Amino acid sequence: MTAITTIRIDHDALPHQFDRSRPDAVAEAIEAALREDGIAAETSDVISHIKIELPTTQLAAASAVLADLQLI
């Protein structure tokens, strides 16, 4: 069994390069960026935030990708 980490990013905290009016598209873009780096993440738009779920073993790599995207 793999431990799962959940990261939540408020819509209001999204950088300007993301279209806040299209949170589903933002979630898809984040998931694609993570998967391009080999991170098995699932993202979704959840009312007030973007939810990212990934194996905890990939948290450091995911953090680097999210930092590059200016999300953290």
PDB file of N, CA and C in Angstrom:
ATOM      1  N   MET A   1       0.836  -1.177   0.000  1.00  0.00           N
ATOM      2  CA  MET A   1       0.000   0.000   0.000  1.00  0.00           C
ATOM      3  C   MET A   1       0.887   1.249   0.000  1.00  0.00           C
ATOM      4  N   THR A   2       0.573   2.174  -0.855  1.00  0.00           N
ATOM      5  CA  THR A   2       1.345   3.398  -0.984  1.00  0.00           C
ATOM      6  C   THR A   2       0.666   4.538  -0.235  1.00  0.00           C
ATOM      7  N   ALA A   3       1.468   5.302   0.506  1.00  0.00           N
ATOM      8  CA  ALA A   3       0.936   6.489   1.180  1.00  0.00           C
ATOM      9  C   ALA A   3       0.655   7.563   0.126  1.00  0.00           C
ATOM     10  N   ILE A   4      -0.441   8.277   0.309  1.00  0.00           N
ATOM     11  CA  ILE A   4      -0.860   9.322  -0.631  1.00  0.00           C
ATOM     12  C   ILE A   4      -0.797  10.676   0.066  1.00  0.00           C
ATOM     13  N   THR A   5      -0.277  11.661  -0.647  1.00  0.00           N
ATOM     14  CA  THR A   5      -0.244  13.036  -0.164  1.00  0.00           C
ATOM     15  C   THR A   5      -1.240  13.854  -0.966  1.00  0.00           C
ATOM     16  N   THR A   6      -1.955  14.735  -0.289  1.00  0.00           N
ATOM     17  CA  THR A   6      -2.889  15.639  -0.954  1.00  0.00           C
ATOM     18  C   THR A   6      -2.389  17.064  -0.777  1.00  0.00           C
ATOM     19  N   ILE A   7      -2.302  17.777  -1.887  1.00  0.00           N
ATOM     20  CA  ILE A   7      -1.917  19.191  -1.887  1.00  0.00           C
ATOM     21  C   ILE A   7      -3.130  19.975  -2.363  1.00  0.00           C
ATOM     22  N   ARG A   8      -3.433  21.049  -1.671  1.00  0.00           N
ATOM     23  CA  ARG A   8      -4.556  21.911  -2.065  1.00  0.00           C
ATOM     24  C   ARG A   8      -4.017  23.295  -2.377  1.00  0.00           C
ATOM     25  N   ILE A   9      -4.449  23.845  -3.505  1.00  0.00           N
ATOM     26  CA  ILE A   9      -4.047  25.186  -3.903  1.00  0.00           C
ATOM     27  C   ILE A   9      -5.312  26.002  -4.129  1.00  0.00           C
ATOM     28  N   ASP A  10      -5.503  27.037  -3.327  1.00  0.00           N
ATOM     29  CA  ASP A  10      -6.674  27.900  -3.461  1.00  0.00           C
ATOM     30  C   ASP A  10      -6.702  28.554  -4.834  1.00  0.00           C
ATOM     31  N   HIS A  11      -7.877  28.658  -5.404  1.00  0.00           N
ATOM     32  CA  HIS A  11      -8.017  29.348  -6.690  1.00  0.00           C
ATOM     33  C   HIS A  11      -7.457  30.762  -6.609  1.00  0.00           C
ATOM     34  N   ASP A  12      -7.689  31.453  -5.488  1.00  0.00           N
ATOM     35  CA  ASP A  12      -7.214  32.826  -5.326  1.00  0.00           C
ATOM     36  C   ASP A  12      -5.691  32.917  -5.301  1.00  0.00           C
ATOM     37  N   ALA A  13      -5.014  31.816  -5.007  1.00  0.00           N
ATOM     38  CA  ALA A  13      -3.554  31.814  -4.938  1.00  0.00           C
ATOM     39  C   ALA A  13      -2.884  31.466  -6.266  1.00  0.00           C
ATOM     40  N   LEU A  14      -3.679  31.153  -7.291  1.00  0.00           N
ATOM     41  CA  LEU A  14      -3.102  30.783  -8.586  1.00  0.00           C
ATOM     42  C   LEU A  14      -2.386  31.981  -9.204  1.00  0.00           C
ATOM     43  N   PRO A  15      -1.189  31.763  -9.745  1.00  0.00           N
ATOM     44  CA  PRO A  15      -0.483  32.850 -10.419  1.00  0.00           C
ATOM     45  C   PRO A  15      -1.269  33.334 -11.646  1.00  0.00           C
ATOM     46  N   HIS A  16      -0.940  34.502 -12.107  1.00  0.00           N
ATOM     47  CA  HIS A  16      -1.687  35.134 -13.198  1.00  0.00           C
ATOM     48  C   HIS A  16      -1.608  34.387 -14.526  1.00  0.00           C
ATOM     49  N   GLN A  17      -0.585  33.527 -14.716  1.00  0.00           N
ATOM     50  CA  GLN A  17      -0.504  32.802 -15.983  1.00  0.00           C
ATOM     51  C   GLN A  17      -1.586  31.728 -16.116  1.00  0.00           C
ATOM     52  N   PHE A  18      -2.289  31.426 -15.015  1.00  0.00           N
ATOM     53  CA  PHE A  18      -3.384  30.465 -15.052  1.00  0.00           C
ATOM     54  C   PHE A  18      -4.718  31.207 -15.135  1.00  0.00           C
ATOM     55  N   ASP A  19      -5.614  30.697 -15.954  1.00  0.00           N
ATOM     56  CA  ASP A  19      -6.934  31.299 -16.133  1.00  0.00           C
ATOM     57  C   ASP A  19      -7.848  30.842 -14.999  1.00  0.00           C
ATOM     58  N   ARG A  20      -8.013  31.682 -13.997  1.00  0.00           N
ATOM     59  CA  ARG A  20      -8.807  31.334 -12.821  1.00  0.00           C
ATOM     60  C   ARG A  20     -10.272  31.077 -13.148  1.00  0.00           C
ATOM     61  N   SER A  21     -10.730  31.560 -14.295  1.00  0.00           N
ATOM     62  CA  SER A  21     -12.129  31.335 -14.672  1.00  0.00           C
ATOM     63  C   SER A  21     -12.341  29.921 -15.217  1.00  0.00           C
ATOM     64  N   ARG A  22     -11.253  29.184 -15.434  1.00  0.00           N
ATOM     65  CA  ARG A  22     -11.345  27.820 -15.965  1.00  0.00           C
ATOM     66  C   ARG A  22     -10.568  26.846 -15.070  1.00  0.00           C
ATOM     67  N   PRO A  23     -11.039  26.633 -13.850  1.00  0.00           N
ATOM     68  CA  PRO A  23     -10.282  25.793 -12.910  1.00  0.00           C
ATOM     69  C   PRO A  23     -10.089  24.354 -13.387  1.00  0.00           C
ATOM     70  N   ASP A  24     -11.024  23.811 -14.157  1.00  0.00           N
ATOM     71  CA  ASP A  24     -10.825  22.453 -14.694  1.00  0.00           C
ATOM     72  C   ASP A  24      -9.619  22.405 -15.615  1.00  0.00           C
ATOM     73  N   ALA A  25      -9.474  23.433 -16.450  1.00  0.00           N
ATOM     74  CA  ALA A  25      -8.328  23.497 -17.364  1.00  0.00           C
ATOM     75  C   ALA A  25      -7.027  23.676 -16.589  1.00  0.00           C
ATOM     76  N   VAL A  26      -7.076  24.439 -15.515  1.00  0.00           N
ATOM     77  CA  VAL A  26      -5.882  24.631 -14.668  1.00  0.00           C
ATOM     78  C   VAL A  26      -5.479  23.292 -14.059  1.00  0.00           C
ATOM     79  N   ALA A  27      -6.446  22.553 -13.533  1.00  0.00           N
ATOM     80  CA  ALA A  27      -6.161  21.238 -12.948  1.00  0.00           C
ATOM     81  C   ALA A  27      -5.542  20.305 -13.989  1.00  0.00           C
ATOM     82  N   GLU A  28      -6.073  20.321 -15.200  1.00  0.00           N
ATOM     83  CA  GLU A  28      -5.530  19.475 -16.276  1.00  0.00           C
ATOM     84  C   GLU A  28      -4.103  19.876 -16.620  1.00  0.00           C
ATOM     85  N   ALA A  29      -3.820  21.179 -16.662  1.00  0.00           N
ATOM     86  CA  ALA A  29      -2.476  21.657 -16.990  1.00  0.00           C
ATOM     87  C   ALA A  29      -1.473  21.253 -15.910  1.00  0.00           C
ATOM     88  N   ILE A  30      -1.882  21.355 -14.661  1.00  0.00           N
ATOM     89  CA  ILE A  30      -0.995  20.962 -13.561  1.00  0.00           C
ATOM     90  C   ILE A  30      -0.723  19.460 -13.618  1.00  0.00           C
ATOM     91  N   GLU A  31      -1.771  18.676 -13.830  1.00  0.00           N
ATOM     92  CA  GLU A  31      -1.592  17.223 -13.916  1.00  0.00           C
ATOM     93  C   GLU A  31      -0.667  16.856 -15.074  1.00  0.00           C
ATOM     94  N   ALA A  32      -0.838  17.497 -16.210  1.00  0.00           N
ATOM     95  CA  ALA A  32       0.016  17.215 -17.370  1.00  0.00           C
ATOM     96  C   ALA A  32       1.476  17.543 -17.061  1.00  0.00           C
ATOM     97  N   ALA A  33       1.729  18.664 -16.407  1.00  0.00           N
ATOM     98  CA  ALA A  33       3.100  19.043 -16.065  1.00  0.00           C
ATOM     99  C   ALA A  33       3.732  18.032 -15.111  1.00  0.00           C
ATOM    100  N   LEU A  34       2.962  17.581 -14.139  1.00  0.00           N
ATOM    101  CA  LEU A  34       3.480  16.586 -13.197  1.00  0.00           C
ATOM    102  C   LEU A  34       3.747  15.259 -13.895  1.00  0.00           C
ATOM    103  N   ARG A  35       2.836  14.834 -14.737  1.00  0.00           N
ATOM    104  CA  ARG A  35       3.002  13.553 -15.443  1.00  0.00           C
ATOM    105  C   ARG A  35       4.177  13.593 -16.423  1.00  0.00           C
ATOM    106  N   GLU A  36       4.432  14.768 -17.018  1.00  0.00           N
ATOM    107  CA  GLU A  36       5.593  14.905 -17.915  1.00  0.00           C
ATOM    108  C   GLU A  36       6.894  14.618 -17.174  1.00  0.00           C
ATOM    109  N   ASP A  37       6.913  14.893 -15.880  1.00  0.00           N
ATOM    110  CA  ASP A  37       8.096  14.620 -15.066  1.00  0.00           C
ATOM    111  C   ASP A  37       8.024  13.257 -14.379  1.00  0.00           C
ATOM    112  N   GLY A  38       7.078  12.414 -14.801  1.00  0.00           N
ATOM    113  CA  GLY A  38       6.995  11.058 -14.288  1.00  0.00           C
ATOM    114  C   GLY A  38       6.301  10.928 -12.946  1.00  0.00           C
ATOM    115  N   ILE A  39       5.535  11.945 -12.562  1.00  0.00           N
ATOM    116  CA  ILE A  39       4.837  11.922 -11.284  1.00  0.00           C
ATOM    117  C   ILE A  39       3.401  11.458 -11.508  1.00  0.00           C
ATOM    118  N   ALA A  40       3.032  10.395 -10.828  1.00  0.00           N
ATOM    119  CA  ALA A  40       1.703   9.800 -10.983  1.00  0.00           C
ATOM    120  C   ALA A  40       0.687  10.568 -10.146  1.00  0.00           C
ATOM    121  N   ALA A  41       0.310  11.740 -10.616  1.00  0.00           N
ATOM    122  CA  ALA A  41      -0.601  12.607  -9.873  1.00  0.00           C
ATOM    123  C   ALA A  41      -1.976  12.617 -10.506  1.00  0.00           C
ATOM    124  N   GLU A  42      -2.960  12.890  -9.659  1.00  0.00           N
ATOM    125  CA  GLU A  42      -4.324  13.121 -10.126  1.00  0.00           C
ATOM    126  C   GLU A  42      -4.745  14.470  -9.579  1.00  0.00           C
ATOM    127  N   THR A  43      -5.258  15.329 -10.458  1.00  0.00           N
ATOM    128  CA  THR A  43      -5.696  16.651 -10.018  1.00  0.00           C
ATOM    129  C   THR A  43      -7.173  16.830 -10.332  1.00  0.00           C
ATOM    130  N   SER A  44      -7.802  17.688  -9.553  1.00  0.00           N
ATOM    131  CA  SER A  44      -9.211  17.995  -9.798  1.00  0.00           C
ATOM    132  C   SER A  44      -9.531  19.364  -9.222  1.00  0.00           C
ATOM    133  N   ASP A  45     -10.591  19.948  -9.775  1.00  0.00           N
ATOM    134  CA  ASP A  45     -11.109  21.213  -9.272  1.00  0.00           C
ATOM    135  C   ASP A  45     -12.151  20.882  -8.208  1.00  0.00           C
ATOM    136  N   VAL A  46     -11.944  21.397  -7.005  1.00  0.00           N
ATOM    137  CA  VAL A  46     -12.865  21.116  -5.904  1.00  0.00           C
ATOM    138  C   VAL A  46     -13.348  22.457  -5.342  1.00  0.00           C
ATOM    139  N   ILE A  47     -14.415  22.972  -5.876  1.00  0.00           N
ATOM    140  CA  ILE A  47     -15.102  24.202  -5.491  1.00  0.00           C
ATOM    141  C   ILE A  47     -14.169  25.392  -5.294  1.00  0.00           C
ATOM    142  N   SER A  48     -13.381  25.420  -4.225  1.00  0.00           N
ATOM    143  CA  SER A  48     -12.565  26.599  -3.923  1.00  0.00           C
ATOM    144  C   SER A  48     -11.073  26.393  -4.143  1.00  0.00           C
ATOM    145  N   HIS A  49     -10.692  25.177  -4.537  1.00  0.00           N
ATOM    146  CA  HIS A  49      -9.266  24.905  -4.687  1.00  0.00           C
ATOM    147  C   HIS A  49      -9.016  23.791  -5.708  1.00  0.00           C
ATOM    148  N   ILE A  50      -7.754  23.698  -6.095  1.00  0.00           N
ATOM    149  CA  ILE A  50      -7.287  22.596  -6.936  1.00  0.00           C
ATOM    150  C   ILE A  50      -6.724  21.550  -5.977  1.00  0.00           C
ATOM    151  N   LYS A  51      -7.160  20.306  -6.140  1.00  0.00           N
ATOM    152  CA  LYS A  51      -6.674  19.209  -5.300  1.00  0.00           C
ATOM    153  C   LYS A  51      -5.726  18.352  -6.131  1.00  0.00           C
ATOM    154  N   ILE A  52      -4.547  18.102  -5.566  1.00  0.00           N
ATOM    155  CA  ILE A  52      -3.542  17.271  -6.219  1.00  0.00           C
ATOM    156  C   ILE A  52      -3.253  16.098  -5.291  1.00  0.00           C
ATOM    157  N   GLU A  53      -3.429  14.892  -5.801  1.00  0.00           N
ATOM    158  CA  GLU A  53      -3.114  13.697  -5.030  1.00  0.00           C
ATOM    159  C   GLU A  53      -1.993  12.939  -5.734  1.00  0.00           C
ATOM    160  N   LEU A  54      -0.998  12.511  -4.945  1.00  0.00           N
ATOM    161  CA  LEU A  54       0.150  11.818  -5.517  1.00  0.00           C
ATOM    162  C   LEU A  54       0.777  10.926  -4.470  1.00  0.00           C
ATOM    163  N   PRO A  55       1.549   9.932  -4.917  1.00  0.00           N
ATOM    164  CA  PRO A  55       2.251   9.085  -3.951  1.00  0.00           C
ATOM    165  C   PRO A  55       3.225   9.938  -3.134  1.00  0.00           C
ATOM    166  N   THR A  56       3.233   9.727  -1.837  1.00  0.00           N
ATOM    167  CA  THR A  56       4.110  10.509  -0.967  1.00  0.00           C
ATOM    168  C   THR A  56       5.570  10.353  -1.367  1.00  0.00           C
ATOM    169  N   THR A  57       5.935   9.224  -1.921  1.00  0.00           N
ATOM    170  CA  THR A  57       7.323   9.009  -2.347  1.00  0.00           C
ATOM    171  C   THR A  57       7.735   9.970  -3.462  1.00  0.00           C
ATOM    172  N   GLN A  58       6.766  10.580  -4.141  1.00  0.00           N
ATOM    173  CA  GLN A  58       7.067  11.514  -5.227  1.00  0.00           C
ATOM    174  C   GLN A  58       6.852  12.974  -4.818  1.00  0.00           C
ATOM    175  N   LEU A  59       6.682  13.217  -3.519  1.00  0.00           N
ATOM    176  CA  LEU A  59       6.395  14.569  -3.049  1.00  0.00           C
ATOM    177  C   LEU A  59       7.524  15.549  -3.351  1.00  0.00           C
ATOM    178  N   ALA A  60       8.761  15.168  -3.159  1.00  0.00           N
ATOM    179  CA  ALA A  60       9.880  16.085  -3.420  1.00  0.00           C
ATOM    180  C   ALA A  60       9.931  16.468  -4.896  1.00  0.00           C
ATOM    181  N   ALA A  61       9.774  15.496  -5.780  1.00  0.00           N
ATOM    182  CA  ALA A  61       9.790  15.787  -7.217  1.00  0.00           C
ATOM    183  C   ALA A  61       8.600  16.653  -7.606  1.00  0.00           C
ATOM    184  N   ALA A  62       7.439  16.365  -7.034  1.00  0.00           N
ATOM    185  CA  ALA A  62       6.251  17.163  -7.328  1.00  0.00           C
ATOM    186  C   ALA A  62       6.429  18.593  -6.837  1.00  0.00           C
ATOM    187  N   SER A  63       7.032  18.758  -5.685  1.00  0.00           N
ATOM    188  CA  SER A  63       7.272  20.101  -5.154  1.00  0.00           C
ATOM    189  C   SER A  63       8.146  20.920  -6.090  1.00  0.00           C
ATOM    190  N   ALA A  64       9.134  20.288  -6.689  1.00  0.00           N
ATOM    191  CA  ALA A  64      10.008  20.994  -7.637  1.00  0.00           C
ATOM    192  C   ALA A  64       9.214  21.454  -8.859  1.00  0.00           C
ATOM    193  N   VAL A  65       8.346  20.590  -9.377  1.00  0.00           N
ATOM    194  CA  VAL A  65       7.515  20.953 -10.533  1.00  0.00           C
ATOM    195  C   VAL A  65       6.567  22.082 -10.169  1.00  0.00           C
ATOM    196  N   LEU A  66       5.917  21.966  -9.011  1.00  0.00           N
ATOM    197  CA  LEU A  66       4.970  22.995  -8.593  1.00  0.00           C
ATOM    198  C   LEU A  66       5.678  24.325  -8.328  1.00  0.00           C
ATOM    199  N   ALA A  67       6.900  24.286  -7.845  1.00  0.00           N
ATOM    200  CA  ALA A  67       7.672  25.513  -7.654  1.00  0.00           C
ATOM    201  C   ALA A  67       8.004  26.145  -9.000  1.00  0.00           C
ATOM    202  N   ASP A  68       8.369  25.327  -9.981  1.00  0.00           N
ATOM    203  CA  ASP A  68       8.634  25.846 -11.339  1.00  0.00           C
ATOM    204  C   ASP A  68       7.407  26.515 -11.926  1.00  0.00           C
ATOM    205  N   LEU A  69       6.220  25.996 -11.596  1.00  0.00           N
ATOM    206  CA  LEU A  69       4.963  26.569 -12.078  1.00  0.00           C
ATOM    207  C   LEU A  69       4.509  27.766 -11.227  1.00  0.00           C
ATOM    208  N   GLN A  70       5.307  28.106 -10.222  1.00  0.00           N
ATOM    209  CA  GLN A  70       5.013  29.201  -9.287  1.00  0.00           C
ATOM    210  C   GLN A  70       3.729  28.962  -8.494  1.00  0.00           C
ATOM    211  N   LEU A  71       3.453  27.694  -8.204  1.00  0.00           N
ATOM    212  CA  LEU A  71       2.271  27.342  -7.430  1.00  0.00           C
ATOM    213  C   LEU A  71       2.574  27.223  -5.944  1.00  0.00           C
ATOM    214  N   ILE A  72       3.851  26.987  -5.619  1.00  0.00           N
ATOM    215  CA  ILE A  72       4.281  26.938  -4.203  1.00  0.00           C
ATOM    216  C   ILE A  72       5.564  27.718  -4.067  1.00  0.00           C
TER     217      ILE A  72
END
